[in-house]
Amino acid sequence: MVKARSIFNYIQVEANDTSEAFVANRGWFNRFKHQNNLHNIQITGEAASGDTKVAAEFPVKLKTIIVRGNYPPELVFKVDETGLFWKRMPK
């Protein structure tokens, strides 16, 4: 709430309008987070965590895709470290 109050005060000074008082509580903040789809993300390792339930189910789905598509092992890649090179052109 301290940060929200400081931002509110800054906006009031910039707008040269001090007629409105800042009123916020935890319920207001929780509704604001819900309306704007804001939530906490656990940070582990190098990146934000994903949906662990879906991640646990994915190997079975991937195996099904590989079998149905008749893909050889040479065409299956692990690409979790490619984010650093998304703009890099291939040589």
Foldseek 3Di string as FASTA:
>chain_A
DVVVQVVVVVVCVVVVHPPDDDDDDVVNVVVVCVVVVHDDFDDDDPGTDDDVVVVVVVVVVVVVVCVVVVPDPVPDDDCPPCPVCPPPDDD
